[in-house]
N, C-alpha and C. Protein backbone atom coordinates (compact mmCIF):
# COMPACT_ATOMS: atom_id res chain seq x y z
N UNK A 1 19.52 29.06 12.64
CA UNK A 1 18.65 28.15 13.37
C UNK A 1 19.04 26.72 13.00
N UNK A 2 19.33 25.91 13.99
CA UNK A 2 19.72 24.53 13.70
C UNK A 2 18.55 23.59 13.94
N UNK A 3 18.55 22.50 13.19
CA UNK A 3 17.51 21.49 13.36
C UNK A 3 18.08 20.33 14.15
N UNK A 4 17.22 19.72 14.95
CA UNK A 4 17.68 18.57 15.72
C UNK A 4 17.75 17.35 14.81
N UNK A 5 18.45 16.34 15.27
CA UNK A 5 18.55 15.10 14.51
C UNK A 5 17.18 14.47 14.32
N UNK A 6 16.31 14.64 15.30
CA UNK A 6 14.99 14.01 15.23
C UNK A 6 14.14 14.60 14.12
N UNK A 7 14.18 15.90 13.93
CA UNK A 7 13.35 16.49 12.87
C UNK A 7 13.85 16.05 11.50
N UNK A 8 15.16 15.90 11.34
CA UNK A 8 15.68 15.41 10.06
C UNK A 8 15.27 13.97 9.82
N UNK A 9 15.22 13.16 10.88
CA UNK A 9 14.80 11.77 10.74
C UNK A 9 13.35 11.69 10.28
N UNK A 10 12.49 12.53 10.85
CA UNK A 10 11.08 12.52 10.45
C UNK A 10 10.94 12.84 8.97
N UNK A 11 11.66 13.82 8.50
CA UNK A 11 11.58 14.19 7.09
C UNK A 11 12.07 13.03 6.24
N UNK A 12 13.17 12.43 6.62
CA UNK A 12 13.74 11.33 5.86
C UNK A 12 12.79 10.14 5.80
N UNK A 13 12.20 9.78 6.93
CA UNK A 13 11.28 8.64 6.97
C UNK A 13 10.09 8.90 6.06
N UNK A 14 9.55 10.08 6.09
CA UNK A 14 8.40 10.41 5.24
C UNK A 14 8.71 10.21 3.77
N UNK A 15 9.88 10.60 3.34
CA UNK A 15 10.25 10.45 1.94
C UNK A 15 10.45 8.99 1.56
N UNK A 16 10.96 8.20 2.47
CA UNK A 16 11.25 6.81 2.16
C UNK A 16 9.99 5.95 2.12
N UNK A 17 8.99 6.28 2.90
CA UNK A 17 7.82 5.41 3.01
C UNK A 17 6.72 5.70 1.99
N UNK A 18 6.90 6.67 1.13
CA UNK A 18 5.83 7.03 0.19
C UNK A 18 6.17 6.69 -1.25
N UNK A 19 7.02 5.70 -1.46
CA UNK A 19 7.51 5.36 -2.78
C UNK A 19 6.38 5.04 -3.76
N UNK A 20 5.38 4.28 -3.37
CA UNK A 20 4.37 3.82 -4.32
C UNK A 20 2.98 4.39 -4.06
N UNK A 21 2.85 5.36 -3.17
CA UNK A 21 1.52 5.87 -2.87
C UNK A 21 0.85 6.50 -4.08
N UNK A 22 1.63 6.98 -5.03
CA UNK A 22 1.06 7.56 -6.23
C UNK A 22 0.27 6.56 -7.05
N UNK A 23 0.55 5.27 -6.88
CA UNK A 23 -0.17 4.24 -7.62
C UNK A 23 -1.51 3.89 -6.99
N UNK A 24 -1.64 4.09 -5.69
CA UNK A 24 -2.84 3.61 -5.01
C UNK A 24 -3.69 4.71 -4.38
N UNK A 25 -3.17 5.92 -4.33
CA UNK A 25 -3.89 7.00 -3.67
C UNK A 25 -4.43 7.97 -4.71
N UNK A 26 -5.66 8.39 -4.53
CA UNK A 26 -6.28 9.37 -5.40
C UNK A 26 -5.42 10.64 -5.43
N UNK A 27 -5.22 11.22 -6.59
CA UNK A 27 -4.30 12.35 -6.74
C UNK A 27 -4.72 13.56 -5.91
N UNK A 28 -5.99 13.84 -5.83
CA UNK A 28 -6.46 15.00 -5.06
C UNK A 28 -6.29 14.75 -3.56
N UNK A 29 -6.56 13.53 -3.13
CA UNK A 29 -6.36 13.18 -1.71
C UNK A 29 -4.88 13.28 -1.36
N UNK A 30 -4.01 12.84 -2.28
CA UNK A 30 -2.57 12.90 -2.03
C UNK A 30 -2.10 14.34 -1.85
N UNK A 31 -2.63 15.27 -2.63
CA UNK A 31 -2.25 16.68 -2.50
C UNK A 31 -2.64 17.21 -1.11
N UNK A 32 -3.86 16.90 -0.68
CA UNK A 32 -4.32 17.34 0.65
C UNK A 32 -3.50 16.66 1.74
N UNK A 33 -3.24 15.35 1.59
CA UNK A 33 -2.44 14.62 2.58
C UNK A 33 -1.04 15.24 2.70
N UNK A 34 -0.45 15.64 1.57
CA UNK A 34 0.88 16.26 1.61
C UNK A 34 0.86 17.56 2.41
N UNK A 35 -0.19 18.36 2.23
CA UNK A 35 -0.31 19.61 3.01
C UNK A 35 -0.47 19.29 4.50
N UNK A 36 -1.30 18.30 4.80
CA UNK A 36 -1.52 17.92 6.20
C UNK A 36 -0.26 17.32 6.82
N UNK A 37 0.53 16.64 6.02
CA UNK A 37 1.78 16.07 6.53
C UNK A 37 2.71 17.15 7.05
N UNK A 38 2.72 18.30 6.36
CA UNK A 38 3.53 19.42 6.85
C UNK A 38 3.01 19.92 8.20
N UNK A 39 1.68 19.99 8.35
CA UNK A 39 1.09 20.40 9.63
C UNK A 39 1.44 19.40 10.73
N UNK A 40 1.37 18.11 10.41
CA UNK A 40 1.69 17.06 11.38
C UNK A 40 3.15 17.19 11.81
N UNK A 41 4.06 17.35 10.84
CA UNK A 41 5.48 17.48 11.16
C UNK A 41 5.74 18.71 12.02
N UNK A 42 5.02 19.79 11.75
CA UNK A 42 5.17 21.01 12.54
C UNK A 42 4.73 20.77 13.99
N UNK A 43 3.64 20.04 14.17
CA UNK A 43 3.20 19.70 15.54
C UNK A 43 4.28 18.92 16.27
N UNK A 44 4.85 17.92 15.61
CA UNK A 44 5.88 17.09 16.24
C UNK A 44 7.12 17.93 16.54
N UNK A 45 7.56 18.71 15.58
CA UNK A 45 8.76 19.54 15.73
C UNK A 45 8.60 20.51 16.90
N UNK A 46 7.40 21.04 17.08
CA UNK A 46 7.15 22.01 18.15
C UNK A 46 6.75 21.37 19.47
N UNK A 47 6.84 20.05 19.56
CA UNK A 47 6.52 19.36 20.81
C UNK A 47 5.04 19.34 21.13
N UNK A 48 4.20 19.39 20.12
CA UNK A 48 2.75 19.45 20.31
C UNK A 48 2.07 18.13 19.96
N UNK A 49 2.67 17.02 20.37
CA UNK A 49 2.09 15.72 20.05
C UNK A 49 0.74 15.53 20.73
N UNK A 50 0.64 15.88 21.99
CA UNK A 50 -0.60 15.67 22.76
C UNK A 50 -1.49 16.90 22.67
N UNK A 51 -1.91 17.24 21.47
CA UNK A 51 -2.75 18.41 21.25
C UNK A 51 -3.92 18.05 20.33
N UNK A 52 -5.01 18.81 20.43
CA UNK A 52 -6.15 18.52 19.56
C UNK A 52 -5.82 18.72 18.08
N UNK A 53 -4.96 19.69 17.76
CA UNK A 53 -4.65 19.91 16.34
C UNK A 53 -3.87 18.74 15.75
N UNK A 54 -2.94 18.15 16.53
CA UNK A 54 -2.21 16.98 16.03
C UNK A 54 -3.16 15.81 15.85
N UNK A 55 -4.09 15.61 16.79
CA UNK A 55 -5.06 14.52 16.67
C UNK A 55 -5.95 14.70 15.44
N UNK A 56 -6.38 15.93 15.18
CA UNK A 56 -7.21 16.22 14.01
C UNK A 56 -6.46 15.89 12.72
N UNK A 57 -5.23 16.37 12.62
CA UNK A 57 -4.44 16.13 11.42
C UNK A 57 -4.16 14.64 11.27
N UNK A 58 -3.86 13.96 12.38
CA UNK A 58 -3.58 12.53 12.34
C UNK A 58 -4.78 11.75 11.83
N UNK A 59 -5.99 12.11 12.27
CA UNK A 59 -7.20 11.44 11.79
C UNK A 59 -7.35 11.57 10.28
N UNK A 60 -7.15 12.77 9.77
CA UNK A 60 -7.28 13.00 8.33
C UNK A 60 -6.22 12.21 7.55
N UNK A 61 -5.00 12.20 8.04
CA UNK A 61 -3.94 11.44 7.37
C UNK A 61 -4.26 9.95 7.41
N UNK A 62 -4.75 9.46 8.55
CA UNK A 62 -5.09 8.04 8.67
C UNK A 62 -6.17 7.65 7.67
N UNK A 63 -7.16 8.51 7.48
CA UNK A 63 -8.21 8.23 6.50
C UNK A 63 -7.61 8.15 5.10
N UNK A 64 -6.65 9.01 4.80
CA UNK A 64 -6.02 9.00 3.47
C UNK A 64 -5.25 7.70 3.22
N UNK A 65 -4.85 7.01 4.28
CA UNK A 65 -4.03 5.80 4.14
C UNK A 65 -4.86 4.52 4.09
N UNK A 66 -6.19 4.62 4.22
CA UNK A 66 -7.03 3.41 4.27
C UNK A 66 -6.81 2.47 3.10
N UNK A 67 -6.67 2.99 1.91
CA UNK A 67 -6.53 2.15 0.72
C UNK A 67 -5.08 2.00 0.25
N UNK A 68 -4.13 2.49 1.04
CA UNK A 68 -2.72 2.36 0.64
C UNK A 68 -2.25 0.97 1.01
N UNK A 69 -2.03 0.18 -0.02
CA UNK A 69 -1.64 -1.21 0.17
C UNK A 69 -0.87 -1.63 -1.08
N UNK A 70 0.16 -2.39 -0.91
CA UNK A 70 0.87 -2.85 -2.09
C UNK A 70 2.28 -3.30 -1.76
N UNK A 71 3.05 -3.44 -2.82
CA UNK A 71 4.39 -3.98 -2.68
C UNK A 71 5.34 -3.16 -3.56
N UNK A 72 6.51 -2.86 -3.01
CA UNK A 72 7.57 -2.18 -3.77
C UNK A 72 8.77 -3.10 -3.78
N UNK A 73 9.29 -3.37 -4.97
CA UNK A 73 10.49 -4.19 -5.10
C UNK A 73 11.67 -3.25 -5.34
N UNK A 74 12.72 -3.42 -4.54
CA UNK A 74 13.87 -2.53 -4.64
C UNK A 74 15.16 -3.34 -4.58
N UNK A 75 16.18 -2.80 -5.21
CA UNK A 75 17.52 -3.36 -5.14
C UNK A 75 18.40 -2.39 -4.38
N UNK A 76 19.19 -2.91 -3.46
CA UNK A 76 20.14 -2.08 -2.72
C UNK A 76 21.54 -2.46 -3.19
N UNK A 77 22.31 -1.45 -3.58
CA UNK A 77 23.66 -1.71 -4.08
C UNK A 77 24.56 -0.52 -3.76
N UNK A 78 25.59 -0.75 -2.97
CA UNK A 78 26.59 0.26 -2.63
C UNK A 78 25.96 1.57 -2.16
N UNK A 79 25.05 1.49 -1.23
CA UNK A 79 24.45 2.69 -0.66
C UNK A 79 23.34 3.30 -1.49
N UNK A 80 22.99 2.70 -2.60
CA UNK A 80 21.90 3.21 -3.44
C UNK A 80 20.73 2.25 -3.40
N UNK A 81 19.54 2.78 -3.57
CA UNK A 81 18.34 1.96 -3.67
C UNK A 81 17.70 2.25 -5.02
N UNK A 82 17.43 1.19 -5.76
CA UNK A 82 16.81 1.32 -7.08
C UNK A 82 15.46 0.62 -7.04
N UNK A 83 14.39 1.34 -7.34
CA UNK A 83 13.06 0.76 -7.37
C UNK A 83 12.91 0.03 -8.70
N UNK A 84 12.60 -1.28 -8.64
CA UNK A 84 12.47 -2.06 -9.87
C UNK A 84 11.03 -2.48 -10.15
N UNK A 85 10.14 -2.30 -9.19
CA UNK A 85 8.75 -2.65 -9.44
C UNK A 85 7.84 -2.17 -8.32
N UNK A 86 6.61 -1.87 -8.69
CA UNK A 86 5.59 -1.45 -7.73
C UNK A 86 4.28 -2.10 -8.15
N UNK A 87 3.51 -2.58 -7.16
CA UNK A 87 2.22 -3.18 -7.50
C UNK A 87 1.28 -3.10 -6.31
N UNK A 88 -0.01 -3.18 -6.62
CA UNK A 88 -1.04 -3.22 -5.58
C UNK A 88 -2.19 -4.06 -6.09
N UNK A 89 -2.55 -5.07 -5.33
CA UNK A 89 -3.66 -5.93 -5.72
C UNK A 89 -5.00 -5.29 -5.39
N UNK A 90 -5.01 -4.34 -4.46
CA UNK A 90 -6.28 -3.75 -4.03
C UNK A 90 -6.61 -2.45 -4.73
N UNK A 91 -5.66 -1.84 -5.39
CA UNK A 91 -5.91 -0.55 -6.01
C UNK A 91 -6.56 -0.70 -7.38
N UNK A 92 -7.51 0.19 -7.66
CA UNK A 92 -8.11 0.22 -8.99
C UNK A 92 -8.01 1.62 -9.58
N UNK A 93 -7.09 2.43 -9.07
CA UNK A 93 -6.99 3.81 -9.54
C UNK A 93 -6.36 3.91 -10.92
N UNK A 94 -5.44 3.03 -11.24
CA UNK A 94 -4.77 3.15 -12.54
C UNK A 94 -5.09 1.95 -13.42
N UNK A 95 -5.52 2.23 -14.61
CA UNK A 95 -5.73 1.21 -15.62
C UNK A 95 -5.14 1.74 -16.91
N UNK A 96 -4.19 1.02 -17.48
CA UNK A 96 -3.56 1.48 -18.71
C UNK A 96 -4.60 1.67 -19.81
N UNK A 97 -5.54 0.74 -19.88
CA UNK A 97 -6.58 0.84 -20.90
C UNK A 97 -7.45 2.09 -20.70
N UNK A 98 -7.85 2.35 -19.47
CA UNK A 98 -8.72 3.49 -19.20
C UNK A 98 -7.97 4.82 -19.24
N UNK A 99 -6.64 4.77 -19.21
CA UNK A 99 -5.85 5.99 -19.24
C UNK A 99 -5.48 6.42 -20.66
N UNK A 100 -5.67 5.54 -21.61
CA UNK A 100 -5.30 5.85 -22.99
C UNK A 100 -6.39 6.66 -23.67
N UNK A 101 -6.01 7.74 -24.31
CA UNK A 101 -6.97 8.56 -25.05
C UNK A 101 -7.52 7.79 -26.24
N UNK A 102 -6.81 6.75 -26.69
CA UNK A 102 -7.26 5.98 -27.84
C UNK A 102 -8.38 5.00 -27.50
N UNK A 103 -8.41 4.52 -26.26
CA UNK A 103 -9.40 3.50 -25.91
C UNK A 103 -10.61 4.03 -25.17
N UNK A 104 -10.58 5.28 -24.73
CA UNK A 104 -11.73 5.84 -24.03
C UNK A 104 -12.90 5.99 -24.99
N UNK A 105 -14.02 5.41 -24.63
CA UNK A 105 -15.21 5.51 -25.47
C UNK A 105 -16.14 6.55 -24.86
N UNK A 106 -15.74 7.79 -24.93
CA UNK A 106 -16.54 8.87 -24.38
C UNK A 106 -16.76 9.90 -25.47
N UNK A 107 -17.90 10.52 -25.45
CA UNK A 107 -18.22 11.54 -26.44
C UNK A 107 -17.82 12.90 -25.89
N UNK A 108 -16.54 13.24 -26.01
CA UNK A 108 -16.07 14.51 -25.51
C UNK A 108 -14.86 14.98 -26.28
N UNK A 109 -14.63 16.24 -26.17
CA UNK A 109 -13.50 16.87 -26.83
C UNK A 109 -12.60 17.46 -25.75
N UNK A 110 -11.30 17.35 -25.95
CA UNK A 110 -10.38 17.87 -24.95
C UNK A 110 -10.48 19.39 -24.85
N UNK A 111 -11.01 20.03 -25.86
CA UNK A 111 -11.09 21.48 -25.88
C UNK A 111 -12.23 22.05 -25.05
N UNK A 112 -13.25 21.26 -24.77
CA UNK A 112 -14.40 21.85 -24.08
C UNK A 112 -14.48 21.44 -22.61
N UNK A 113 -15.29 22.14 -21.85
CA UNK A 113 -15.39 21.87 -20.41
C UNK A 113 -16.03 20.53 -20.12
N UNK A 114 -16.86 20.05 -21.02
CA UNK A 114 -17.46 18.73 -20.83
C UNK A 114 -16.36 17.68 -20.76
N UNK A 115 -15.33 17.83 -21.58
CA UNK A 115 -14.21 16.90 -21.55
C UNK A 115 -13.52 16.90 -20.20
N UNK A 116 -13.31 18.08 -19.63
CA UNK A 116 -12.69 18.20 -18.31
C UNK A 116 -13.53 17.47 -17.26
N UNK A 117 -14.83 17.69 -17.30
CA UNK A 117 -15.73 17.04 -16.34
C UNK A 117 -15.69 15.53 -16.52
N UNK A 118 -15.71 15.06 -17.75
CA UNK A 118 -15.69 13.62 -18.01
C UNK A 118 -14.38 12.98 -17.56
N UNK A 119 -13.27 13.67 -17.75
CA UNK A 119 -11.98 13.14 -17.30
C UNK A 119 -11.98 13.00 -15.78
N UNK A 120 -12.48 14.00 -15.06
CA UNK A 120 -12.56 13.91 -13.60
C UNK A 120 -13.55 12.85 -13.17
N UNK A 121 -14.58 12.62 -13.97
CA UNK A 121 -15.57 11.60 -13.63
C UNK A 121 -14.95 10.21 -13.59
N UNK A 122 -13.91 9.97 -14.38
CA UNK A 122 -13.24 8.66 -14.37
C UNK A 122 -12.68 8.39 -12.98
N UNK A 123 -11.97 9.37 -12.41
CA UNK A 123 -11.37 9.21 -11.08
C UNK A 123 -12.45 9.01 -10.02
N UNK A 124 -13.50 9.80 -10.09
CA UNK A 124 -14.56 9.73 -9.08
C UNK A 124 -15.33 8.41 -9.21
N UNK A 125 -15.55 7.94 -10.43
CA UNK A 125 -16.24 6.65 -10.63
C UNK A 125 -15.41 5.51 -10.05
N UNK A 126 -14.09 5.56 -10.22
CA UNK A 126 -13.22 4.52 -9.65
C UNK A 126 -13.33 4.50 -8.13
N UNK A 127 -13.41 5.68 -7.53
CA UNK A 127 -13.57 5.78 -6.08
C UNK A 127 -14.89 5.13 -5.65
N UNK A 128 -15.97 5.44 -6.35
CA UNK A 128 -17.27 4.86 -6.03
C UNK A 128 -17.28 3.35 -6.21
N UNK A 129 -16.66 2.86 -7.27
CA UNK A 129 -16.58 1.41 -7.51
C UNK A 129 -15.86 0.72 -6.36
N UNK A 130 -14.76 1.33 -5.88
CA UNK A 130 -14.02 0.72 -4.77
C UNK A 130 -14.86 0.68 -3.51
N UNK A 131 -15.60 1.77 -3.23
CA UNK A 131 -16.44 1.80 -2.03
C UNK A 131 -17.53 0.73 -2.11
N UNK A 132 -18.15 0.59 -3.27
CA UNK A 132 -19.19 -0.44 -3.44
C UNK A 132 -18.58 -1.82 -3.28
N UNK A 133 -17.41 -2.06 -3.90
CA UNK A 133 -16.74 -3.36 -3.79
C UNK A 133 -16.42 -3.70 -2.34
N UNK A 134 -16.03 -2.68 -1.55
CA UNK A 134 -15.67 -2.91 -0.15
C UNK A 134 -16.87 -2.88 0.79
N UNK A 135 -18.09 -2.70 0.24
CA UNK A 135 -19.29 -2.70 1.06
C UNK A 135 -19.49 -1.42 1.85
N UNK A 136 -18.86 -0.34 1.44
CA UNK A 136 -19.00 0.94 2.15
C UNK A 136 -20.11 1.75 1.50
N UNK A 137 -20.83 2.55 2.29
CA UNK A 137 -21.84 3.43 1.69
C UNK A 137 -21.15 4.53 0.89
N UNK A 138 -21.81 4.99 -0.17
CA UNK A 138 -21.23 6.06 -0.99
C UNK A 138 -21.20 7.38 -0.24
N UNK A 139 -22.13 7.57 0.70
CA UNK A 139 -22.11 8.77 1.54
C UNK A 139 -22.59 8.38 2.92
N UNK A 140 -22.18 9.17 3.90
CA UNK A 140 -22.59 8.92 5.29
C UNK A 140 -23.54 10.01 5.71
N UNK A 141 -24.75 9.62 6.01
CA UNK A 141 -25.75 10.59 6.45
C UNK A 141 -25.90 10.51 7.95
N UNK A 142 -26.16 11.67 8.54
CA UNK A 142 -26.33 11.70 10.00
C UNK A 142 -27.76 11.96 10.33
């Protein structure tokens, strides 16, 4: 089975445009977005652009990209690209201080389940802080 040039281009573009998303996107959302990206590519490859399933997947992917913002510095030399820096002024997902086991002031042990819950609470608290900062409600009620 041969692939068309277009399907290879889509795969290539996807890999090139996600260089710094790990810095600004929540890790769990990124995992789900990666799965949905495969569904989106399958819709395109099968000629199903104008379908409800492609629209559904596109909406979910678009939501995942709301907070993706930043800058990647790269050097191009003899056909190679070297990433020399990545930054985002709007992201608050990574903090060196909050990521260090030495500076966390939490009463937990890595051995117990409370520690697991507290570690996940850091990520979820950052998400809530960003929503509050951006004036978004923490939940949407109907």
